[in-house]
């Protein structure tokens, strides 16, 4: 059997005093704080109820926008007004998606979603305008 000279360059050998062992390849044991926070069944049901409320809000904003016949005098103003109407319709869904994507702890998620339920009420629909 022939020994390749490249094999000698790639091995440390047994008696090399400059050999330093690298870090262990075994995974470190997980700490309790490393585990993801799991939501309980009650919190998941609350997420579903709040998601339903946000869906109702989006439908209510859509109805309120359809009932509004106000037009702007200029083209730019009309485009901006329609953008605002679109964002009003989409804002509950955007809020829900942003909170679920950005907030990690279930209790904080619930608080932020509750704030969204209070802030995003479709007042034109509620007041009958």
Foldseek 3Di string as FASTA:
>chain_A
DDDDVVVVVPDDDDPNPVDDDDDDPDDDDDDPVPDADDDDPVLVVLLVVLVVLLQVLLVLLVVLVVVDPDADPDPVVRVVVVVVSVCLNCVSVVQSVCLVVPPRDSVVSSVSSVVCSVPSHPVCSVVVD
